N, C-alpha and C. Protein backbone atom coordinates (compact mmCIF):
# COMPACT_ATOMS: atom_id res chain seq x y z
N UNK A 1 0.85 -1.18 0.00
CA UNK A 1 0.00 0.00 0.00
C UNK A 1 0.89 1.23 0.00
N UNK A 2 0.74 2.04 -1.02
CA UNK A 2 1.52 3.25 -1.16
C UNK A 2 0.69 4.43 -0.68
N UNK A 3 1.14 5.08 0.37
CA UNK A 3 0.40 6.20 0.94
C UNK A 3 1.25 7.45 0.82
N UNK A 4 0.96 8.25 -0.19
CA UNK A 4 1.68 9.48 -0.44
C UNK A 4 0.77 10.65 -0.07
N UNK A 5 0.93 11.14 1.14
CA UNK A 5 0.06 12.21 1.63
C UNK A 5 0.46 13.58 1.11
N UNK A 6 1.64 13.70 0.50
CA UNK A 6 2.06 15.00 -0.01
C UNK A 6 1.30 15.38 -1.28
N UNK A 7 0.82 14.40 -2.02
CA UNK A 7 0.18 14.68 -3.29
C UNK A 7 -1.33 14.66 -3.25
N UNK A 8 -1.92 14.40 -2.13
CA UNK A 8 -3.38 14.39 -2.07
C UNK A 8 -3.86 15.20 -0.87
N UNK A 9 -5.03 15.70 -1.03
CA UNK A 9 -5.64 16.54 0.01
C UNK A 9 -6.37 15.64 0.99
N UNK A 10 -6.05 15.78 2.26
CA UNK A 10 -6.74 15.04 3.31
C UNK A 10 -7.44 16.06 4.19
N UNK A 11 -8.78 16.12 4.10
CA UNK A 11 -9.50 17.14 4.88
C UNK A 11 -9.44 16.83 6.37
N UNK A 12 -9.44 17.89 7.15
CA UNK A 12 -9.53 17.73 8.59
C UNK A 12 -10.96 17.36 8.94
N UNK A 13 -11.19 17.07 10.19
CA UNK A 13 -12.55 16.69 10.61
C UNK A 13 -13.51 17.82 10.26
N UNK A 14 -14.52 17.49 9.50
CA UNK A 14 -15.49 18.48 9.06
C UNK A 14 -16.81 18.26 9.76
N UNK A 15 -17.57 19.32 9.83
CA UNK A 15 -18.92 19.24 10.35
C UNK A 15 -19.79 18.64 9.26
N UNK A 16 -20.25 17.42 9.48
CA UNK A 16 -21.00 16.70 8.45
C UNK A 16 -22.36 17.32 8.19
N UNK A 17 -22.97 17.89 9.21
CA UNK A 17 -24.30 18.49 9.03
C UNK A 17 -24.15 19.88 8.42
N UNK A 18 -25.07 20.22 7.56
CA UNK A 18 -25.03 21.55 6.96
C UNK A 18 -25.89 22.49 7.79
N UNK A 19 -25.38 23.67 7.98
CA UNK A 19 -26.09 24.68 8.76
C UNK A 19 -27.13 25.36 7.87
N UNK A 20 -28.37 25.37 8.33
CA UNK A 20 -29.46 25.98 7.57
C UNK A 20 -29.21 27.46 7.36
N UNK A 21 -28.68 28.13 8.37
CA UNK A 21 -28.44 29.57 8.26
C UNK A 21 -27.25 29.89 7.36
N UNK A 22 -26.31 28.96 7.22
CA UNK A 22 -25.20 29.16 6.28
C UNK A 22 -25.68 28.97 4.85
N UNK A 23 -26.57 28.00 4.64
CA UNK A 23 -27.09 27.73 3.31
C UNK A 23 -28.04 28.83 2.86
N UNK A 24 -28.98 29.19 3.74
CA UNK A 24 -29.96 30.24 3.43
C UNK A 24 -29.54 31.50 4.17
N UNK A 25 -28.78 32.32 3.53
CA UNK A 25 -28.26 33.53 4.18
C UNK A 25 -29.42 34.42 4.63
N UNK A 26 -29.41 34.77 5.91
CA UNK A 26 -30.48 35.57 6.48
C UNK A 26 -29.88 36.90 6.96
N UNK A 27 -29.93 37.92 6.11
CA UNK A 27 -29.31 39.20 6.44
C UNK A 27 -30.00 39.88 7.62
N UNK A 28 -31.31 39.63 7.80
CA UNK A 28 -32.01 40.23 8.93
C UNK A 28 -31.43 39.72 10.25
N UNK A 29 -31.26 38.40 10.38
CA UNK A 29 -30.70 37.84 11.62
C UNK A 29 -29.26 38.31 11.83
N UNK A 30 -28.49 38.40 10.76
CA UNK A 30 -27.11 38.86 10.89
C UNK A 30 -27.04 40.30 11.39
N UNK A 31 -27.87 41.16 10.85
CA UNK A 31 -27.91 42.56 11.29
C UNK A 31 -28.35 42.66 12.75
N UNK A 32 -29.39 41.92 13.10
CA UNK A 32 -29.88 41.96 14.48
C UNK A 32 -28.82 41.44 15.44
N UNK A 33 -28.11 40.39 15.04
CA UNK A 33 -27.03 39.87 15.88
C UNK A 33 -25.95 40.92 16.07
N UNK A 34 -25.59 41.59 14.98
CA UNK A 34 -24.56 42.62 15.04
C UNK A 34 -24.98 43.77 15.96
N UNK A 35 -26.23 44.16 15.90
CA UNK A 35 -26.73 45.27 16.71
C UNK A 35 -26.86 44.87 18.18
N UNK A 36 -27.45 43.70 18.43
CA UNK A 36 -27.75 43.30 19.80
C UNK A 36 -26.54 42.73 20.55
N UNK A 37 -25.51 42.33 19.83
CA UNK A 37 -24.33 41.73 20.46
C UNK A 37 -23.75 42.60 21.56
N UNK A 38 -23.75 43.90 21.34
CA UNK A 38 -23.15 44.82 22.31
C UNK A 38 -24.15 45.33 23.33
N UNK A 39 -25.41 44.93 23.20
CA UNK A 39 -26.44 45.50 24.07
C UNK A 39 -27.00 44.54 25.11
N UNK A 40 -26.77 43.24 24.96
CA UNK A 40 -27.34 42.30 25.93
C UNK A 40 -26.44 41.07 26.07
N UNK A 41 -26.74 40.27 27.07
CA UNK A 41 -25.92 39.07 27.28
C UNK A 41 -26.29 38.00 26.27
N UNK A 42 -25.50 36.92 26.24
CA UNK A 42 -25.67 35.89 25.21
C UNK A 42 -27.04 35.23 25.26
N UNK A 43 -27.52 34.90 26.45
CA UNK A 43 -28.80 34.20 26.55
C UNK A 43 -29.91 35.06 25.97
N UNK A 44 -29.98 36.31 26.38
CA UNK A 44 -31.01 37.22 25.86
C UNK A 44 -30.84 37.46 24.37
N UNK A 45 -29.60 37.56 23.91
CA UNK A 45 -29.33 37.78 22.50
C UNK A 45 -29.95 36.67 21.65
N UNK A 46 -29.68 35.43 22.02
CA UNK A 46 -30.17 34.32 21.21
C UNK A 46 -31.67 34.09 21.41
N UNK A 47 -32.19 34.42 22.58
CA UNK A 47 -33.65 34.36 22.77
C UNK A 47 -34.35 35.35 21.85
N UNK A 48 -33.82 36.57 21.78
CA UNK A 48 -34.42 37.61 20.94
C UNK A 48 -34.31 37.24 19.46
N UNK A 49 -33.15 36.74 19.05
CA UNK A 49 -32.97 36.35 17.65
C UNK A 49 -33.92 35.23 17.26
N UNK A 50 -34.07 34.25 18.13
CA UNK A 50 -34.97 33.13 17.83
C UNK A 50 -36.42 33.61 17.75
N UNK A 51 -36.82 34.46 18.69
CA UNK A 51 -38.19 34.99 18.68
C UNK A 51 -38.44 35.84 17.43
N UNK A 52 -37.48 36.65 17.06
CA UNK A 52 -37.64 37.49 15.86
C UNK A 52 -37.74 36.63 14.61
N UNK A 53 -36.94 35.59 14.54
CA UNK A 53 -37.01 34.70 13.38
C UNK A 53 -38.36 33.98 13.31
N UNK A 54 -38.86 33.52 14.46
CA UNK A 54 -40.17 32.86 14.49
C UNK A 54 -41.26 33.79 14.01
N UNK A 55 -41.24 35.03 14.49
CA UNK A 55 -42.27 35.99 14.10
C UNK A 55 -42.19 36.36 12.62
N UNK A 56 -40.98 36.44 12.07
CA UNK A 56 -40.84 36.78 10.65
C UNK A 56 -41.24 35.62 9.74
N UNK A 57 -41.12 34.39 10.23
CA UNK A 57 -41.46 33.23 9.41
C UNK A 57 -42.93 32.82 9.55
N UNK A 58 -43.63 33.36 10.55
CA UNK A 58 -45.04 32.99 10.76
C UNK A 58 -45.92 33.27 9.55
N UNK A 59 -45.83 34.42 8.90
CA UNK A 59 -46.67 34.63 7.71
C UNK A 59 -46.39 33.63 6.59
N UNK A 60 -45.14 33.24 6.43
CA UNK A 60 -44.81 32.25 5.40
C UNK A 60 -45.41 30.88 5.74
N UNK A 61 -45.34 30.54 7.02
CA UNK A 61 -45.93 29.27 7.45
C UNK A 61 -47.45 29.29 7.26
N UNK A 62 -48.06 30.44 7.53
CA UNK A 62 -49.51 30.57 7.34
C UNK A 62 -49.91 30.41 5.88
N UNK A 63 -48.99 30.71 4.99
CA UNK A 63 -49.26 30.56 3.56
C UNK A 63 -48.85 29.17 3.06
N UNK A 64 -48.54 28.27 3.97
CA UNK A 64 -48.09 26.91 3.67
C UNK A 64 -46.84 26.91 2.78
N UNK A 65 -45.96 27.87 3.01
CA UNK A 65 -44.69 27.90 2.29
C UNK A 65 -43.70 26.97 2.98
N UNK A 66 -42.75 26.48 2.21
CA UNK A 66 -41.72 25.62 2.76
C UNK A 66 -40.68 26.50 3.46
N UNK A 67 -40.65 26.43 4.79
CA UNK A 67 -39.74 27.24 5.59
C UNK A 67 -38.78 26.30 6.31
N UNK A 68 -37.47 26.51 6.14
CA UNK A 68 -36.51 25.64 6.84
C UNK A 68 -36.67 25.75 8.35
N UNK A 69 -36.52 24.64 9.02
CA UNK A 69 -36.65 24.60 10.48
C UNK A 69 -35.39 25.19 11.12
N UNK A 70 -35.56 26.27 11.84
CA UNK A 70 -34.46 26.91 12.54
C UNK A 70 -34.80 26.96 14.02
N UNK A 71 -34.04 26.23 14.81
CA UNK A 71 -34.25 26.22 16.26
C UNK A 71 -33.30 27.21 16.92
N UNK A 72 -33.49 27.41 18.20
CA UNK A 72 -32.61 28.30 18.95
C UNK A 72 -31.18 27.74 18.93
N UNK A 73 -31.05 26.41 19.04
CA UNK A 73 -29.74 25.79 19.04
C UNK A 73 -29.02 26.01 17.70
N UNK A 74 -29.76 25.99 16.60
CA UNK A 74 -29.17 26.23 15.29
C UNK A 74 -28.65 27.66 15.22
N UNK A 75 -29.42 28.60 15.75
CA UNK A 75 -29.00 30.00 15.75
C UNK A 75 -27.74 30.18 16.60
N UNK A 76 -27.72 29.57 17.78
CA UNK A 76 -26.56 29.68 18.65
C UNK A 76 -25.34 29.08 17.96
N UNK A 77 -25.47 27.88 17.42
CA UNK A 77 -24.33 27.22 16.77
C UNK A 77 -23.84 28.04 15.58
N UNK A 78 -24.76 28.59 14.81
CA UNK A 78 -24.36 29.36 13.63
C UNK A 78 -23.54 30.59 14.03
N UNK A 79 -24.02 31.35 14.98
CA UNK A 79 -23.33 32.59 15.34
C UNK A 79 -22.12 32.36 16.24
N UNK A 80 -22.07 31.25 16.96
CA UNK A 80 -20.92 30.97 17.82
C UNK A 80 -19.80 30.27 17.06
N UNK A 81 -20.14 29.48 16.04
CA UNK A 81 -19.12 28.69 15.36
C UNK A 81 -18.91 29.05 13.89
N UNK A 82 -19.96 29.43 13.19
CA UNK A 82 -19.84 29.64 11.75
C UNK A 82 -19.67 31.10 11.37
N UNK A 83 -20.35 31.98 11.99
CA UNK A 83 -20.37 33.40 11.58
C UNK A 83 -19.64 34.25 12.60
N UNK A 84 -18.35 34.02 12.75
CA UNK A 84 -17.56 34.80 13.69
C UNK A 84 -17.30 36.19 13.12
N UNK A 85 -17.41 37.20 13.97
CA UNK A 85 -17.11 38.56 13.57
C UNK A 85 -16.06 39.15 14.51
N UNK A 86 -15.52 40.27 14.13
CA UNK A 86 -14.52 40.94 14.96
C UNK A 86 -15.10 41.30 16.32
N UNK A 87 -16.27 41.95 16.30
CA UNK A 87 -16.90 42.36 17.57
C UNK A 87 -17.19 41.16 18.46
N UNK A 88 -17.64 40.07 17.86
CA UNK A 88 -17.96 38.87 18.62
C UNK A 88 -16.71 38.32 19.32
N UNK A 89 -15.60 38.25 18.59
CA UNK A 89 -14.36 37.75 19.16
C UNK A 89 -13.82 38.64 20.27
N UNK A 90 -13.83 39.94 20.04
CA UNK A 90 -13.33 40.88 21.05
C UNK A 90 -14.20 40.83 22.30
N UNK A 91 -15.51 40.77 22.12
CA UNK A 91 -16.41 40.72 23.26
C UNK A 91 -16.23 39.42 24.06
N UNK A 92 -16.05 38.29 23.38
CA UNK A 92 -15.79 37.03 24.09
C UNK A 92 -14.50 37.10 24.88
N UNK A 93 -13.44 37.67 24.28
CA UNK A 93 -12.18 37.82 25.00
C UNK A 93 -12.34 38.71 26.23
N UNK A 94 -13.08 39.81 26.08
CA UNK A 94 -13.30 40.72 27.22
C UNK A 94 -14.07 40.02 28.33
N UNK A 95 -15.04 39.17 27.97
CA UNK A 95 -15.80 38.44 28.98
C UNK A 95 -14.93 37.42 29.72
N UNK A 96 -14.05 36.75 28.99
CA UNK A 96 -13.14 35.79 29.62
C UNK A 96 -12.19 36.51 30.57
N UNK A 97 -11.68 37.65 30.15
CA UNK A 97 -10.77 38.41 31.01
C UNK A 97 -11.50 38.89 32.26
N UNK A 98 -12.75 39.29 32.12
CA UNK A 98 -13.53 39.71 33.28
C UNK A 98 -13.71 38.55 34.27
N UNK A 99 -13.93 37.34 33.75
CA UNK A 99 -14.05 36.17 34.62
C UNK A 99 -12.73 35.88 35.33
N UNK A 100 -11.62 36.02 34.62
CA UNK A 100 -10.31 35.83 35.24
C UNK A 100 -10.07 36.86 36.34
N UNK A 101 -10.43 38.10 36.07
CA UNK A 101 -10.25 39.16 37.07
C UNK A 101 -11.11 38.89 38.31
N UNK A 102 -12.33 38.41 38.10
CA UNK A 102 -13.22 38.11 39.22
C UNK A 102 -12.65 37.00 40.09
N UNK A 103 -12.12 35.96 39.45
CA UNK A 103 -11.55 34.86 40.23
C UNK A 103 -10.25 35.28 40.92
N UNK A 104 -9.53 36.23 40.32
CA UNK A 104 -8.28 36.70 40.90
C UNK A 104 -8.50 37.64 42.09
N UNK A 105 -9.66 38.31 42.12
CA UNK A 105 -9.93 39.25 43.22
C UNK A 105 -9.89 38.59 44.58
N UNK A 106 -10.29 37.35 44.67
CA UNK A 106 -10.26 36.64 45.95
C UNK A 106 -8.87 36.32 46.43
N UNK A 107 -7.90 36.41 45.55
CA UNK A 107 -6.52 36.07 45.93
C UNK A 107 -5.61 37.29 46.02
N UNK A 108 -6.19 38.48 46.10
CA UNK A 108 -5.37 39.68 46.18
C UNK A 108 -4.75 39.88 47.56
N UNK A 109 -5.43 39.40 48.59
CA UNK A 109 -4.90 39.55 49.95
C UNK A 109 -4.35 38.23 50.46
N UNK A 110 -3.24 38.33 51.18
CA UNK A 110 -2.65 37.15 51.81
C UNK A 110 -3.34 36.90 53.15
N UNK A 111 -3.03 35.80 53.80
CA UNK A 111 -3.68 35.45 55.07
C UNK A 111 -3.39 36.46 56.17
N UNK A 112 -2.23 37.10 56.12
CA UNK A 112 -1.90 38.08 57.15
C UNK A 112 -2.51 39.46 56.87
N UNK A 113 -3.26 39.61 55.78
CA UNK A 113 -3.94 40.87 55.48
C UNK A 113 -3.20 41.76 54.52
N UNK A 114 -1.96 41.42 54.20
CA UNK A 114 -1.21 42.25 53.25
C UNK A 114 -1.59 41.87 51.82
N UNK A 115 -1.26 42.77 50.90
CA UNK A 115 -1.58 42.52 49.49
C UNK A 115 -0.51 41.66 48.83
N UNK A 116 -0.96 40.75 47.99
CA UNK A 116 -0.06 39.93 47.18
C UNK A 116 0.28 40.74 45.93
N UNK A 117 1.50 41.27 45.89
CA UNK A 117 1.87 42.19 44.81
C UNK A 117 1.85 41.52 43.44
N UNK A 118 2.16 40.25 43.37
CA UNK A 118 2.16 39.55 42.08
C UNK A 118 0.74 39.48 41.53
N UNK A 119 -0.22 39.13 42.38
CA UNK A 119 -1.61 39.05 41.93
C UNK A 119 -2.20 40.42 41.62
N UNK A 120 -1.80 41.44 42.39
CA UNK A 120 -2.27 42.80 42.11
C UNK A 120 -1.73 43.26 40.76
N UNK A 121 -0.47 42.97 40.48
CA UNK A 121 0.13 43.33 39.20
C UNK A 121 -0.57 42.61 38.05
N UNK A 122 -0.84 41.32 38.23
CA UNK A 122 -1.54 40.55 37.21
C UNK A 122 -2.95 41.09 36.98
N UNK A 123 -3.64 41.45 38.07
CA UNK A 123 -4.98 42.00 37.95
C UNK A 123 -4.96 43.31 37.16
N UNK A 124 -3.97 44.17 37.44
CA UNK A 124 -3.85 45.43 36.72
C UNK A 124 -3.58 45.20 35.23
N UNK A 125 -2.73 44.22 34.91
CA UNK A 125 -2.44 43.92 33.51
C UNK A 125 -3.70 43.43 32.80
N UNK A 126 -4.45 42.54 33.46
CA UNK A 126 -5.69 42.05 32.87
C UNK A 126 -6.69 43.19 32.66
N UNK A 127 -6.77 44.08 33.65
CA UNK A 127 -7.68 45.22 33.55
C UNK A 127 -7.30 46.12 32.38
N UNK A 128 -6.02 46.40 32.22
CA UNK A 128 -5.58 47.25 31.11
C UNK A 128 -5.85 46.58 29.77
N UNK A 129 -5.63 45.27 29.69
CA UNK A 129 -5.88 44.56 28.44
C UNK A 129 -7.38 44.55 28.11
N UNK A 130 -8.19 44.37 29.12
CA UNK A 130 -9.65 44.40 28.92
C UNK A 130 -10.09 45.77 28.41
N UNK A 131 -9.54 46.83 28.99
CA UNK A 131 -9.88 48.18 28.53
C UNK A 131 -9.42 48.42 27.08
N UNK A 132 -8.26 47.88 26.72
CA UNK A 132 -7.81 48.00 25.33
C UNK A 132 -8.77 47.29 24.38
N UNK A 133 -9.23 46.10 24.78
CA UNK A 133 -10.19 45.37 23.95
C UNK A 133 -11.49 46.14 23.81
N UNK A 134 -11.98 46.69 24.91
CA UNK A 134 -13.23 47.43 24.85
C UNK A 134 -13.09 48.72 24.04
N UNK A 135 -11.90 49.32 24.06
CA UNK A 135 -11.67 50.51 23.25
C UNK A 135 -11.71 50.14 21.76
N UNK A 136 -11.11 49.00 21.41
CA UNK A 136 -11.17 48.53 20.02
C UNK A 136 -12.61 48.24 19.62
N UNK A 137 -13.35 47.70 20.54
CA UNK A 137 -14.75 47.37 20.27
C UNK A 137 -15.56 48.63 20.02
N UNK A 138 -15.30 49.68 20.78
CA UNK A 138 -16.07 50.92 20.61
C UNK A 138 -15.79 51.57 19.26
N UNK A 139 -14.62 51.35 18.70
CA UNK A 139 -14.30 51.91 17.39
C UNK A 139 -15.10 51.21 16.30
N UNK A 140 -15.31 49.89 16.46
CA UNK A 140 -15.98 49.10 15.43
C UNK A 140 -17.47 48.90 15.66
N UNK A 141 -18.03 49.47 16.71
CA UNK A 141 -19.41 49.15 17.04
C UNK A 141 -20.45 49.91 16.23
N UNK A 142 -20.04 50.87 15.44
CA UNK A 142 -21.01 51.64 14.65
C UNK A 142 -21.71 50.73 13.65
N UNK A 143 -23.03 50.81 13.63
CA UNK A 143 -23.83 49.96 12.76
C UNK A 143 -24.67 50.85 11.85
N UNK A 144 -24.59 50.58 10.56
CA UNK A 144 -25.44 51.30 9.61
C UNK A 144 -26.84 50.72 9.69
N UNK A 145 -27.82 51.58 9.53
CA UNK A 145 -29.20 51.09 9.59
C UNK A 145 -29.55 50.40 8.28
N UNK A 146 -30.36 49.39 8.40
CA UNK A 146 -30.80 48.64 7.24
C UNK A 146 -32.23 49.02 6.97
N UNK A 147 -32.47 49.50 5.75
CA UNK A 147 -33.82 49.85 5.35
C UNK A 147 -34.35 48.68 4.54
N UNK A 148 -35.38 48.06 5.07
CA UNK A 148 -35.94 46.91 4.40
C UNK A 148 -37.12 47.36 3.56
N UNK A 149 -37.10 47.00 2.30
CA UNK A 149 -38.15 47.37 1.38
C UNK A 149 -38.83 46.07 0.93
N UNK A 150 -39.94 45.72 1.56
CA UNK A 150 -40.57 44.44 1.23
C UNK A 150 -41.14 44.38 -0.17
N UNK A 151 -41.34 45.51 -0.80
CA UNK A 151 -41.92 45.52 -2.14
C UNK A 151 -40.87 45.32 -3.23
N UNK A 152 -39.57 45.36 -2.85
CA UNK A 152 -38.51 45.16 -3.83
C UNK A 152 -38.06 43.72 -3.78
N UNK A 153 -37.98 43.10 -4.93
CA UNK A 153 -37.52 41.73 -5.02
C UNK A 153 -36.14 41.72 -5.66
N UNK A 154 -35.22 40.97 -5.04
CA UNK A 154 -33.86 40.92 -5.60
C UNK A 154 -33.60 39.57 -6.19
């Protein structure tokens, strides 16, 4: 058996299932995700997106149109794994740093009541990095409004 891996393409582990939202591009959900990402936490964000999608698809279902099934889990997986954006990545990093800072706060004081200078220094570095991330986020957070014209067909 001759196995020459240099001359053939061997794909890495792929997601065998196709994402409905990747196949059927939904600009409304993408815009809403972009707008709401900076305004609410993840749970509320995906609850609102799922509810908005359900309400927008209701008239089509009432007309017995074929509407792809999109669950809340599909929306979460799509925006967490498939449709990564700059703001999404920066916000996730800032949230992780905030969690690290919170866990580090309990270790700032030693048993004798004095401050642990190494942990205080680390906390300050994390805080400065978090502020840098949030500053980058504020530069990119401007969102253009989308005017939807239902009478125009593209």
